[in-house]
Amino acid sequence: MTETSLTDRERLEVYTWMRLTRAFDERMVALWKQGRGVGGTFSQRGHEAISVGAGWALAPDDVVAPMHRDLGTFLVRGITPLRAFASLMGRATGVTGGRDINFHGMGDLSLGIIGFISHLPHSVPVALGAAMSFRYRGEKRAVLSFTGDGASGSGLFHETLNMAALWDAPYVLLVENNQYAYSTPVHEHTKVTDLARRADGYGIPGVSVDGNDVEAVHAAVKMALDRAREGGGPTLIEARTMRMMGHAIHDGAEYVPPAQLAEWAARDPLQLFEERLVATGVSRDDLEGIGRRCEAEVEEAVVWAEGSPWPDPATVTDGVYAP
């Protein structure tokens, strides 16, 4: 069993966030297949342990730069399902006020969330800038940013890691290795498939973790963030998982071998954590009760979002240009 610093109460809270993330995702995918969504959307399935485990490791004053498959982090940090669904549906009550229609740009600095920049890994240097501002001011705060396995081969990824290492930035970079960069498998875009080894070239710690084990993710990210806040410098973490659906709602992912999906489905992050909780005495009835409450919360969010107003076209330039 994974070593963890979580208490029994915290483990149930973490499980609740994972169930809420899964319930949100399933409802979102269903709505978009019915044509009730606006634009494209990205399934979170398979990433719940990463986004929730990492998000739960953040301290209140830390800052995070999530990606489009990190819904759990958005939720843990305080973006409600109501605001998130309204944002996805382009409503004025959404996080972006109708100016974006998916998880791109869905940031809220009052919650310590930097909005996701669509092209990977362009959020990475932005997050480093925030980390360096903490260092300059002598604040014990850290920044966690996410990127993908494909982005780990880009120049910007390496330039950012080099600067973070050189400046001992209070910065943690988590690579979500979900086996595919859109439709390109990892072994076709990099010779070194152990992505945590990329840290060796910059003299910083590199950690590889099971991305389907929420407690393992939490432990690795918490240790790295604690180290960063105390002046220990940056850490690169690779969390290995599987993107269980296509790149986006339009992508059927026919290029993924069925046997590969079946192998990862047997290690579903929610199922793994449920079995662990049951083994420690939590009843399945209690877990299903949590699931029902999460589904009710998501349904309430959908109704609220669909009933929310569209943005006023006259406000189209609000918040776009600096005064």
C-alpha atoms as a PDB file:
ATOM      1  CA  MET A   1       0.000   0.000   0.000  1.00  0.00           C
ATOM      2  CA  THR A   2       1.185   3.514  -0.795  1.00  0.00           C
ATOM      3  CA  GLU A   3       2.611   5.428   2.157  1.00  0.00           C
ATOM      4  CA  THR A   4       0.538   8.525   2.790  1.00  0.00           C
ATOM      5  CA  SER A   5       0.342  11.458   5.161  1.00  0.00           C
ATOM      6  CA  LEU A   6      -3.427  11.691   4.672  1.00  0.00           C
ATOM      7  CA  THR A   7      -5.721  11.115   7.621  1.00  0.00           C
ATOM      8  CA  ASP A   8      -8.819   8.927   7.256  1.00  0.00           C
ATOM      9  CA  ARG A   9     -10.982  12.047   6.984  1.00  0.00           C
ATOM     10  CA  GLU A  10      -8.722  13.547   4.344  1.00  0.00           C
ATOM     11  CA  ARG A  11      -8.774  10.349   2.312  1.00  0.00           C
ATOM     12  CA  LEU A  12     -12.556  10.501   2.135  1.00  0.00           C
ATOM     13  CA  GLU A  13     -12.365  14.163   1.122  1.00  0.00           C
ATOM     14  CA  VAL A  14      -9.898  13.301  -1.625  1.00  0.00           C
ATOM     15  CA  TYR A  15     -12.172  10.485  -2.771  1.00  0.00           C
ATOM     16  CA  THR A  16     -15.099  12.928  -2.876  1.00  0.00           C
ATOM     17  CA  TRP A  17     -13.152  15.297  -5.147  1.00  0.00           C
ATOM     18  CA  MET A  18     -12.296  12.388  -7.430  1.00  0.00           C
ATOM     19  CA  ARG A  19     -15.937  11.292  -7.610  1.00  0.00           C
ATOM     20  CA  LEU A  20     -17.016  14.863  -8.302  1.00  0.00           C
ATOM     21  CA  THR A  21     -14.445  15.132 -11.092  1.00  0.00           C
ATOM     22  CA  ARG A  22     -15.640  11.855 -12.639  1.00  0.00           C
ATOM     23  CA  ALA A  23     -19.317  12.816 -12.329  1.00  0.00           C
ATOM     24  CA  PHE A  24     -18.629  16.195 -13.932  1.00  0.00           C
ATOM     25  CA  ASP A  25     -16.686  14.569 -16.754  1.00  0.00           C
ATOM     26  CA  GLU A  26     -19.308  11.936 -17.526  1.00  0.00           C
ATOM     27  CA  ARG A  27     -22.085  14.540 -17.600  1.00  0.00           C
ATOM     28  CA  MET A  28     -19.995  16.879 -19.730  1.00  0.00           C
ATOM     29  CA  VAL A  29     -19.201  14.210 -22.320  1.00  0.00           C
ATOM     30  CA  ALA A  30     -22.867  13.177 -22.474  1.00  0.00           C
ATOM     31  CA  LEU A  31     -24.018  16.772 -22.981  1.00  0.00           C
ATOM     32  CA  TRP A  32     -21.531  17.421 -25.758  1.00  0.00           C
ATOM     33  CA  LYS A  33     -22.522  14.194 -27.549  1.00  0.00           C
ATOM     34  CA  GLN A  34     -26.116  15.450 -27.379  1.00  0.00           C
ATOM     35  CA  GLY A  35     -25.061  18.723 -28.990  1.00  0.00           C
ATOM     36  CA  ARG A  36     -25.868  20.742 -25.863  1.00  0.00           C
ATOM     37  CA  GLY A  37     -22.334  22.040 -25.368  1.00  0.00           C
ATOM     38  CA  VAL A  38     -20.546  24.934 -27.041  1.00  0.00           C
ATOM     39  CA  GLY A  39     -17.327  24.246 -28.940  1.00  0.00           C
ATOM     40  CA  GLY A  40     -15.087  21.317 -28.091  1.00  0.00           C
ATOM     41  CA  THR A  41     -14.338  19.702 -24.759  1.00  0.00           C
ATOM     42  CA  PHE A  42     -11.715  17.441 -23.209  1.00  0.00           C
ATOM     43  CA  SER A  43     -12.436  14.364 -21.116  1.00  0.00           C
ATOM     44  CA  GLN A  44     -10.718  14.046 -17.740  1.00  0.00           C
ATOM     45  CA  ARG A  45     -11.173  10.275 -17.501  1.00  0.00           C
ATOM     46  CA  GLY A  46      -8.003   8.611 -16.276  1.00  0.00           C
ATOM     47  CA  HIS A  47      -6.515  11.833 -14.896  1.00  0.00           C
ATOM     48  CA  GLU A  48      -8.531  12.150 -11.680  1.00  0.00           C
ATOM     49  CA  ALA A  49      -5.790  10.872  -9.372  1.00  0.00           C
ATOM     50  CA  ILE A  50      -3.269  13.310 -10.818  1.00  0.00           C
ATOM     51  CA  SER A  51      -5.402  16.436 -10.749  1.00  0.00           C
ATOM     52  CA  VAL A  52      -6.925  15.790  -7.320  1.00  0.00           C
ATOM     53  CA  GLY A  53      -3.814  14.349  -5.672  1.00  0.00           C
ATOM     54  CA  ALA A  54      -1.630  17.214  -6.877  1.00  0.00           C
ATOM     55  CA  GLY A  55      -4.240  19.874  -6.144  1.00  0.00           C
ATOM     56  CA  TRP A  56      -4.717  18.573  -2.609  1.00  0.00           C
ATOM     57  CA  ALA A  57      -0.975  18.925  -1.978  1.00  0.00           C
ATOM     58  CA  LEU A  58      -1.003  22.693  -2.547  1.00  0.00           C
ATOM     59  CA  ALA A  59      -0.825  25.051   0.428  1.00  0.00           C
ATOM     60  CA  PRO A  60      -3.434  27.856   0.556  1.00  0.00           C
ATOM     61  CA  ASP A  61      -0.941  30.528  -0.603  1.00  0.00           C
ATOM     62  CA  ASP A  62       0.578  28.440  -3.402  1.00  0.00           C
ATOM     63  CA  VAL A  63      -0.250  29.066  -7.057  1.00  0.00           C
ATOM     64  CA  VAL A  64      -1.097  26.483  -9.701  1.00  0.00           C
ATOM     65  CA  ALA A  65      -1.205  26.455 -13.492  1.00  0.00           C
ATOM     66  CA  PRO A  66      -3.449  23.524 -14.473  1.00  0.00           C
ATOM     67  CA  MET A  67      -4.156  22.158 -17.955  1.00  0.00           C
ATOM     68  CA  HIS A  68      -7.288  21.075 -19.802  1.00  0.00           C
ATOM     69  CA  ARG A  69      -7.348  17.647 -18.084  1.00  0.00           C
ATOM     70  CA  ASP A  70      -6.889  18.961 -14.566  1.00  0.00           C
ATOM     71  CA  LEU A  71     -10.499  19.600 -13.593  1.00  0.00           C
ATOM     72  CA  GLY A  72      -9.859  18.093 -10.170  1.00  0.00           C
ATOM     73  CA  THR A  73      -7.287  20.788  -9.431  1.00  0.00           C
ATOM     74  CA  PHE A  74      -9.694  23.541 -10.485  1.00  0.00           C
ATOM     75  CA  LEU A  75     -12.372  22.085  -8.192  1.00  0.00           C
ATOM     76  CA  VAL A  76     -10.081  21.536  -5.201  1.00  0.00           C
ATOM     77  CA  ARG A  77      -8.842  25.123  -5.476  1.00  0.00           C
ATOM     78  CA  GLY A  78     -12.367  26.525  -5.356  1.00  0.00           C
ATOM     79  CA  ILE A  79     -13.850  26.804  -8.842  1.00  0.00           C
ATOM     80  CA  THR A  80     -17.337  25.378  -8.385  1.00  0.00           C
ATOM     81  CA  PRO A  81     -19.066  23.020 -10.822  1.00  0.00           C
ATOM     82  CA  LEU A  82     -21.594  25.822 -11.425  1.00  0.00           C
ATOM     83  CA  ARG A  83     -18.953  28.262 -12.645  1.00  0.00           C
ATOM     84  CA  ALA A  84     -17.077  25.576 -14.559  1.00  0.00           C
ATOM     85  CA  PHE A  85     -20.136  24.347 -16.489  1.00  0.00           C
ATOM     86  CA  ALA A  86     -21.234  27.913 -17.183  1.00  0.00           C
ATOM     87  CA  SER A  87     -17.774  28.625 -18.558  1.00  0.00           C
ATOM     88  CA  LEU A  88     -17.865  25.549 -20.796  1.00  0.00           C
ATOM     89  CA  MET A  89     -21.266  26.649 -22.072  1.00  0.00           C
ATOM     90  CA  GLY A  90     -20.099  30.165 -22.847  1.00  0.00           C
ATOM     91  CA  ARG A  91     -22.344  31.850 -20.296  1.00  0.00           C
ATOM     92  CA  ALA A  92     -21.742  35.198 -18.620  1.00  0.00           C
ATOM     93  CA  THR A  93     -21.719  33.494 -15.213  1.00  0.00           C
ATOM     94  CA  GLY A  94     -18.764  31.298 -16.169  1.00  0.00           C
ATOM     95  CA  VAL A  95     -15.181  31.731 -15.062  1.00  0.00           C
ATOM     96  CA  THR A  96     -14.245  33.564 -18.268  1.00  0.00           C
ATOM     97  CA  GLY A  97     -17.528  35.442 -18.608  1.00  0.00           C
ATOM     98  CA  GLY A  98     -18.232  33.782 -21.942  1.00  0.00           C
ATOM     99  CA  ARG A  99     -14.848  34.615 -23.449  1.00  0.00           C
ATOM    100  CA  ASP A 100     -13.711  31.017 -23.640  1.00  0.00           C
ATOM    101  CA  ILE A 101     -15.739  27.851 -24.056  1.00  0.00           C
ATOM    102  CA  ASN A 102     -13.545  25.115 -22.635  1.00  0.00           C
ATOM    103  CA  PHE A 103     -10.895  24.700 -19.945  1.00  0.00           C
ATOM    104  CA  HIS A 104      -8.479  26.989 -21.770  1.00  0.00           C
ATOM    105  CA  GLY A 105      -8.092  30.310 -20.025  1.00  0.00           C
ATOM    106  CA  MET A 106     -10.187  29.183 -17.054  1.00  0.00           C
ATOM    107  CA  GLY A 107      -8.112  30.882 -14.376  1.00  0.00           C
ATOM    108  CA  ASP A 108      -8.929  32.798 -11.228  1.00  0.00           C
ATOM    109  CA  LEU A 109      -6.031  34.586  -9.573  1.00  0.00           C
ATOM    110  CA  SER A 110      -8.091  35.149  -6.424  1.00  0.00           C
ATOM    111  CA  LEU A 111      -7.952  31.355  -6.020  1.00  0.00           C
ATOM    112  CA  GLY A 112      -4.300  31.120  -7.023  1.00  0.00           C
ATOM    113  CA  ILE A 113      -5.110  29.614 -10.429  1.00  0.00           C
ATOM    114  CA  ILE A 114      -3.288  30.747 -13.574  1.00  0.00           C
ATOM    115  CA  GLY A 115      -5.470  30.324 -16.656  1.00  0.00           C
ATOM    116  CA  PHE A 116      -4.363  27.564 -19.008  1.00  0.00           C
ATOM    117  CA  ILE A 117      -2.671  28.643 -22.243  1.00  0.00           C
ATOM    118  CA  SER A 118      -3.819  26.277 -24.974  1.00  0.00           C
ATOM    119  CA  HIS A 119      -0.490  25.582 -26.641  1.00  0.00           C
ATOM    120  CA  LEU A 120       1.701  23.310 -24.545  1.00  0.00           C
ATOM    121  CA  PRO A 121       3.938  24.094 -22.749  1.00  0.00           C
ATOM    122  CA  HIS A 122       3.305  27.865 -22.821  1.00  0.00           C
ATOM    123  CA  SER A 123       1.872  27.974 -19.290  1.00  0.00           C
ATOM    124  CA  VAL A 124       5.158  26.611 -17.959  1.00  0.00           C
ATOM    125  CA  PRO A 125       7.294  29.802 -18.200  1.00  0.00           C
ATOM    126  CA  VAL A 126       4.364  31.885 -16.926  1.00  0.00           C
ATOM    127  CA  ALA A 127       4.267  29.701 -13.826  1.00  0.00           C
ATOM    128  CA  LEU A 128       8.034  30.054 -13.422  1.00  0.00           C
ATOM    129  CA  GLY A 129       7.615  33.837 -13.476  1.00  0.00           C
ATOM    130  CA  ALA A 130       5.142  33.595 -10.602  1.00  0.00           C
ATOM    131  CA  ALA A 131       7.558  31.353  -8.691  1.00  0.00           C
ATOM    132  CA  MET A 132      10.407  33.818  -9.133  1.00  0.00           C
ATOM    133  CA  SER A 133       8.231  36.653  -7.835  1.00  0.00           C
ATOM    134  CA  PHE A 134       7.854  34.676  -4.583  1.00  0.00           C
ATOM    135  CA  ARG A 135      11.599  34.148  -4.418  1.00  0.00           C
ATOM    136  CA  TYR A 136      12.361  37.833  -4.970  1.00  0.00           C
ATOM    137  CA  ARG A 137       9.940  38.825  -2.218  1.00  0.00           C
ATOM    138  CA  GLY A 138      11.211  36.195   0.188  1.00  0.00           C
ATOM    139  CA  GLU A 139       7.770  34.557   0.461  1.00  0.00           C
ATOM    140  CA  LYS A 140       7.491  30.894   1.413  1.00  0.00           C
ATOM    141  CA  ARG A 141       5.176  30.060  -1.466  1.00  0.00           C
ATOM    142  CA  ALA A 142       5.542  27.653  -4.369  1.00  0.00           C
ATOM    143  CA  VAL A 143       4.081  27.181  -7.837  1.00  0.00           C
ATOM    144  CA  LEU A 144       2.897  23.931  -9.373  1.00  0.00           C
ATOM    145  CA  SER A 145       2.452  23.720 -13.129  1.00  0.00           C
ATOM    146  CA  PHE A 146       1.332  20.903 -15.403  1.00  0.00           C
ATOM    147  CA  THR A 147       2.265  19.950 -18.936  1.00  0.00           C
ATOM    148  CA  GLY A 148       2.083  16.891 -21.184  1.00  0.00           C
ATOM    149  CA  ASP A 149       4.476  14.215 -22.378  1.00  0.00           C
ATOM    150  CA  GLY A 150       4.606  15.665 -25.892  1.00  0.00           C
ATOM    151  CA  ALA A 151       5.452  19.128 -24.579  1.00  0.00           C
ATOM    152  CA  SER A 152       8.418  17.730 -22.656  1.00  0.00           C
ATOM    153  CA  GLY A 153      10.318  17.590 -25.941  1.00  0.00           C
ATOM    154  CA  SER A 154       9.821  21.263 -26.771  1.00  0.00           C
ATOM    155  CA  GLY A 155      12.455  23.952 -26.454  1.00  0.00           C
ATOM    156  CA  LEU A 156      10.333  26.067 -24.132  1.00  0.00           C
ATOM    157  CA  PHE A 157      10.017  23.170 -21.672  1.00  0.00           C
ATOM    158  CA  HIS A 158      13.784  22.781 -21.467  1.00  0.00           C
ATOM    159  CA  GLU A 159      14.504  26.509 -21.359  1.00  0.00           C
ATOM    160  CA  THR A 160      12.106  26.874 -18.434  1.00  0.00           C
ATOM    161  CA  LEU A 161      13.599  23.930 -16.541  1.00  0.00           C
ATOM    162  CA  ASN A 162      17.089  25.325 -17.094  1.00  0.00           C
ATOM    163  CA  MET A 163      16.122  28.739 -15.712  1.00  0.00           C
ATOM    164  CA  ALA A 164      14.201  27.237 -12.800  1.00  0.00           C
ATOM    165  CA  ALA A 165      17.205  25.112 -11.840  1.00  0.00           C
ATOM    166  CA  LEU A 166      19.699  27.950 -12.275  1.00  0.00           C
ATOM    167  CA  TRP A 167      17.663  30.295 -10.088  1.00  0.00           C
ATOM    168  CA  ASP A 168      16.570  27.692  -7.490  1.00  0.00           C
ATOM    169  CA  ALA A 169      12.961  28.651  -8.157  1.00  0.00           C
ATOM    170  CA  PRO A 170      10.217  27.451  -5.766  1.00  0.00           C
ATOM    171  CA  TYR A 171       8.686  25.574  -8.661  1.00  0.00           C
ATOM    172  CA  VAL A 172       7.312  22.105  -9.357  1.00  0.00           C
ATOM    173  CA  LEU A 173       6.674  20.923 -12.907  1.00  0.00           C
ATOM    174  CA  LEU A 174       4.402  17.907 -13.274  1.00  0.00           C
ATOM    175  CA  VAL A 175       4.404  16.087 -16.612  1.00  0.00           C
ATOM    176  CA  GLU A 176       1.214  14.128 -17.207  1.00  0.00           C
ATOM    177  CA  ASN A 177       2.457  11.225 -19.287  1.00  0.00           C
ATOM    178  CA  ASN A 178      -0.839   9.906 -20.637  1.00  0.00           C
ATOM    179  CA  GLN A 179       0.889   7.887 -23.374  1.00  0.00           C
ATOM    180  CA  TYR A 180      -0.231  10.065 -26.299  1.00  0.00           C
ATOM    181  CA  ALA A 181       0.580  13.556 -27.537  1.00  0.00           C
ATOM    182  CA  TYR A 182      -2.726  13.898 -29.382  1.00  0.00           C
ATOM    183  CA  SER A 183      -2.334  10.786 -31.585  1.00  0.00           C
ATOM    184  CA  THR A 184       1.443  10.260 -31.246  1.00  0.00           C
ATOM    185  CA  PRO A 185       2.534   7.611 -28.721  1.00  0.00           C
ATOM    186  CA  VAL A 186       5.396   8.454 -26.388  1.00  0.00           C
ATOM    187  CA  HIS A 187       7.902   6.083 -28.007  1.00  0.00           C
ATOM    188  CA  GLU A 188       7.446   7.856 -31.331  1.00  0.00           C
ATOM    189  CA  HIS A 189       8.325  11.337 -30.067  1.00  0.00           C
ATOM    190  CA  THR A 190      11.151  10.616 -27.618  1.00  0.00           C
ATOM    191  CA  LYS A 191      13.943   8.045 -27.312  1.00  0.00           C
ATOM    192  CA  VAL A 192      13.996   8.412 -23.520  1.00  0.00           C
ATOM    193  CA  THR A 193      10.522   7.347 -22.400  1.00  0.00           C
ATOM    194  CA  ASP A 194      11.355   7.712 -18.686  1.00  0.00           C
ATOM    195  CA  LEU A 195      10.498  11.408 -18.760  1.00  0.00           C
ATOM    196  CA  ALA A 196      11.587  12.066 -15.179  1.00  0.00           C
ATOM    197  CA  ARG A 197      15.168  11.534 -16.392  1.00  0.00           C
ATOM    198  CA  ARG A 198      14.963  14.876 -18.205  1.00  0.00           C
ATOM    199  CA  ALA A 199      15.653  16.445 -14.801  1.00  0.00           C
ATOM    200  CA  ASP A 200      19.181  14.974 -14.776  1.00  0.00           C
ATOM    201  CA  GLY A 201      20.378  17.448 -17.383  1.00  0.00           C
ATOM    202  CA  TYR A 202      19.507  20.359 -15.098  1.00  0.00           C
ATOM    203  CA  GLY A 203      20.791  19.046 -11.780  1.00  0.00           C
ATOM    204  CA  ILE A 204      17.377  18.854 -10.137  1.00  0.00           C
ATOM    205  CA  PRO A 205      15.380  15.941  -8.710  1.00  0.00           C
ATOM    206  CA  GLY A 206      13.273  13.927 -11.124  1.00  0.00           C
ATOM    207  CA  VAL A 207      10.532  11.683  -9.765  1.00  0.00           C
ATOM    208  CA  SER A 208       8.354   9.170 -11.611  1.00  0.00           C
ATOM    209  CA  VAL A 209       5.067   8.239  -9.947  1.00  0.00           C
ATOM    210  CA  ASP A 210       2.036   6.062 -10.654  1.00  0.00           C
ATOM    211  CA  GLY A 211      -0.467   8.620 -11.929  1.00  0.00           C
ATOM    212  CA  ASN A 212      -3.398   6.319 -11.140  1.00  0.00           C
ATOM    213  CA  ASP A 213      -2.535   6.180  -7.430  1.00  0.00           C
ATOM    214  CA  VAL A 214      -3.889   9.363  -5.866  1.00  0.00           C
ATOM    215  CA  GLU A 215      -1.960   8.930  -2.625  1.00  0.00           C
ATOM    216  CA  ALA A 216       1.316   8.387  -4.481  1.00  0.00           C
ATOM    217  CA  VAL A 217       0.720  11.517  -6.548  1.00  0.00           C
ATOM    218  CA  HIS A 218      -0.171  13.521  -3.458  1.00  0.00           C
ATOM    219  CA  ALA A 219       2.919  12.343  -1.556  1.00  0.00           C
ATOM    220  CA  ALA A 220       5.301  13.139  -4.426  1.00  0.00           C
ATOM    221  CA  VAL A 221       3.850  16.578  -5.127  1.00  0.00           C
ATOM    222  CA  LYS A 222       3.620  17.518  -1.454  1.00  0.00           C
ATOM    223  CA  MET A 223       7.261  16.583  -0.869  1.00  0.00           C
ATOM    224  CA  ALA A 224       8.352  18.632  -3.891  1.00  0.00           C
ATOM    225  CA  LEU A 225       6.256  21.669  -2.902  1.00  0.00           C
ATOM    226  CA  ASP A 226       7.497  21.541   0.700  1.00  0.00           C
ATOM    227  CA  ARG A 227      11.069  21.382  -0.575  1.00  0.00           C
ATOM    228  CA  ALA A 228      10.472  24.293  -2.946  1.00  0.00           C
ATOM    229  CA  ARG A 229       9.034  26.524  -0.225  1.00  0.00           C
ATOM    230  CA  GLU A 230      12.065  25.887   1.978  1.00  0.00           C
ATOM    231  CA  GLY A 231      14.492  27.009  -0.723  1.00  0.00           C
ATOM    232  CA  GLY A 232      15.373  23.570  -2.093  1.00  0.00           C
ATOM    233  CA  GLY A 233      14.646  24.523  -5.695  1.00  0.00           C
ATOM    234  CA  PRO A 234      12.527  22.924  -8.409  1.00  0.00           C
ATOM    235  CA  THR A 235      11.458  19.323  -8.994  1.00  0.00           C
ATOM    236  CA  LEU A 236      10.303  17.548 -12.139  1.00  0.00           C
ATOM    237  CA  ILE A 237       7.588  14.936 -11.559  1.00  0.00           C
ATOM    238  CA  GLU A 238       6.363  12.484 -14.175  1.00  0.00           C
ATOM    239  CA  ALA A 239       2.924  11.014 -13.428  1.00  0.00           C
ATOM    240  CA  ARG A 240       2.163   8.050 -15.652  1.00  0.00           C
ATOM    241  CA  THR A 241      -1.435   7.416 -16.628  1.00  0.00           C
ATOM    242  CA  MET A 242      -3.578   6.800 -19.709  1.00  0.00           C
ATOM    243  CA  ARG A 243      -5.854   9.178 -21.552  1.00  0.00           C
ATOM    244  CA  MET A 244      -8.941   6.957 -21.678  1.00  0.00           C
ATOM    245  CA  MET A 245     -10.722   8.884 -24.430  1.00  0.00           C
ATOM    246  CA  GLY A 246      -9.584  10.834 -27.479  1.00  0.00           C
ATOM    247  CA  HIS A 247      -7.728  14.111 -27.421  1.00  0.00           C
ATOM    248  CA  ALA A 248     -11.056  15.968 -27.478  1.00  0.00           C
ATOM    249  CA  ILE A 249     -14.722  15.157 -28.012  1.00  0.00           C
ATOM    250  CA  HIS A 250     -14.287  14.998 -31.792  1.00  0.00           C
ATOM    251  CA  ASP A 251     -11.488  12.396 -31.584  1.00  0.00           C
ATOM    252  CA  GLY A 252     -12.547   8.750 -31.555  1.00  0.00           C
ATOM    253  CA  ALA A 253      -8.969   7.611 -30.740  1.00  0.00           C
ATOM    254  CA  GLU A 254      -9.109   4.709 -33.185  1.00  0.00           C
ATOM    255  CA  TYR A 255      -5.309   4.809 -33.217  1.00  0.00           C
ATOM    256  CA  VAL A 256      -5.128   3.480 -29.631  1.00  0.00           C
ATOM    257  CA  PRO A 257      -4.859  -0.339 -29.429  1.00  0.00           C
ATOM    258  CA  PRO A 258      -7.910  -1.764 -27.599  1.00  0.00           C
ATOM    259  CA  ALA A 259      -5.653  -3.994 -25.490  1.00  0.00           C
ATOM    260  CA  GLN A 260      -3.816  -0.933 -24.198  1.00  0.00           C
ATOM    261  CA  LEU A 261      -7.065   0.722 -23.130  1.00  0.00           C
ATOM    262  CA  ALA A 262      -8.244  -2.498 -21.472  1.00  0.00           C
ATOM    263  CA  GLU A 263      -4.994  -2.798 -19.518  1.00  0.00           C
ATOM    264  CA  TRP A 264      -5.334   0.721 -18.135  1.00  0.00           C
ATOM    265  CA  ALA A 265      -9.083   0.390 -17.539  1.00  0.00           C
ATOM    266  CA  ALA A 266      -8.258  -2.415 -15.106  1.00  0.00           C
ATOM    267  CA  ARG A 267      -6.264   0.181 -13.146  1.00  0.00           C
ATOM    268  CA  ASP A 268      -8.919   2.885 -13.103  1.00  0.00           C
ATOM    269  CA  PRO A 269      -7.812   5.483 -10.508  1.00  0.00           C
ATOM    270  CA  LEU A 270     -11.209   5.707  -8.830  1.00  0.00           C
ATOM    271  CA  GLN A 271     -11.594   1.946  -8.639  1.00  0.00           C
ATOM    272  CA  LEU A 272      -8.102   1.545  -7.181  1.00  0.00           C
ATOM    273  CA  PHE A 273      -8.784   4.087  -4.455  1.00  0.00           C
ATOM    274  CA  GLU A 274     -12.219   2.645  -3.691  1.00  0.00           C
ATOM    275  CA  GLU A 275     -10.737  -0.813  -3.138  1.00  0.00           C
ATOM    276  CA  ARG A 276      -8.096   0.654  -0.853  1.00  0.00           C
ATOM    277  CA  LEU A 277     -10.697   2.528   1.195  1.00  0.00           C
ATOM    278  CA  VAL A 278     -12.910  -0.542   1.507  1.00  0.00           C
ATOM    279  CA  ALA A 279      -9.901  -2.570   2.650  1.00  0.00           C
ATOM    280  CA  THR A 280      -9.404  -0.064   5.487  1.00  0.00           C
ATOM    281  CA  GLY A 281     -12.999  -0.320   6.689  1.00  0.00           C
ATOM    282  CA  VAL A 282     -14.982   2.202   4.645  1.00  0.00           C
ATOM    283  CA  SER A 283     -18.326   0.762   3.540  1.00  0.00           C
ATOM    284  CA  ARG A 284     -19.331   0.632  -0.110  1.00  0.00           C
ATOM    285  CA  ASP A 285     -22.659   2.152   0.868  1.00  0.00           C
ATOM    286  CA  ASP A 286     -20.857   5.222   2.170  1.00  0.00           C
ATOM    287  CA  LEU A 287     -18.842   5.488  -1.042  1.00  0.00           C
ATOM    288  CA  GLU A 288     -21.959   5.195  -3.176  1.00  0.00           C
ATOM    289  CA  GLY A 289     -23.624   7.848  -1.053  1.00  0.00           C
ATOM    290  CA  ILE A 290     -20.730  10.175  -1.882  1.00  0.00           C
ATOM    291  CA  GLY A 291     -21.191   9.334  -5.548  1.00  0.00           C
ATOM    292  CA  ARG A 292     -24.901  10.188  -5.472  1.00  0.00           C
ATOM    293  CA  ARG A 293     -24.213  13.539  -3.801  1.00  0.00           C
ATOM    294  CA  CYS A 294     -21.596  14.360  -6.429  1.00  0.00           C
ATOM    295  CA  GLU A 295     -23.980  13.489  -9.260  1.00  0.00           C
ATOM    296  CA  ALA A 296     -26.676  15.689  -7.709  1.00  0.00           C
ATOM    297  CA  GLU A 297     -24.213  18.576  -7.427  1.00  0.00           C
ATOM    298  CA  VAL A 298     -23.239  18.182 -11.063  1.00  0.00           C
ATOM    299  CA  GLU A 299     -26.871  18.054 -12.203  1.00  0.00           C
ATOM    300  CA  GLU A 300     -27.595  21.245 -10.269  1.00  0.00           C
ATOM    301  CA  ALA A 301     -24.625  22.880 -11.996  1.00  0.00           C
ATOM    302  CA  VAL A 302     -25.874  21.868 -15.451  1.00  0.00           C
ATOM    303  CA  VAL A 303     -29.341  23.266 -14.809  1.00  0.00           C
ATOM    304  CA  TRP A 304     -27.888  26.503 -13.450  1.00  0.00           C
ATOM    305  CA  ALA A 305     -25.446  26.884 -16.319  1.00  0.00           C
ATOM    306  CA  GLU A 306     -28.031  26.233 -19.027  1.00  0.00           C
ATOM    307  CA  GLY A 307     -30.323  28.774 -17.388  1.00  0.00           C
ATOM    308  CA  SER A 308     -27.610  31.409 -17.136  1.00  0.00           C
ATOM    309  CA  PRO A 309     -27.527  34.382 -19.547  1.00  0.00           C
ATOM    310  CA  TRP A 310     -25.269  34.688 -22.545  1.00  0.00           C
ATOM    311  CA  PRO A 311     -22.726  37.515 -22.286  1.00  0.00           C
ATOM    312  CA  ASP A 312     -23.746  40.960 -23.518  1.00  0.00           C
ATOM    313  CA  PRO A 313     -22.040  41.535 -26.905  1.00  0.00           C
ATOM    314  CA  ALA A 314     -21.386  45.132 -25.853  1.00  0.00           C
ATOM    315  CA  THR A 315     -18.920  43.837 -23.242  1.00  0.00           C
ATOM    316  CA  VAL A 316     -16.820  41.877 -25.763  1.00  0.00           C
ATOM    317  CA  THR A 317     -13.674  43.950 -25.111  1.00  0.00           C
ATOM    318  CA  ASP A 318     -14.023  43.982 -21.298  1.00  0.00           C
ATOM    319  CA  GLY A 319     -11.054  42.356 -19.653  1.00  0.00           C
ATOM    320  CA  VAL A 320      -9.265  41.886 -22.952  1.00  0.00           C
ATOM    321  CA  TYR A 321      -7.182  45.038 -23.126  1.00  0.00           C
ATOM    322  CA  ALA A 322      -5.198  46.489 -20.243  1.00  0.00           C
ATOM    323  CA  PRO A 323      -6.399  49.959 -19.142  1.00  0.00           C
END
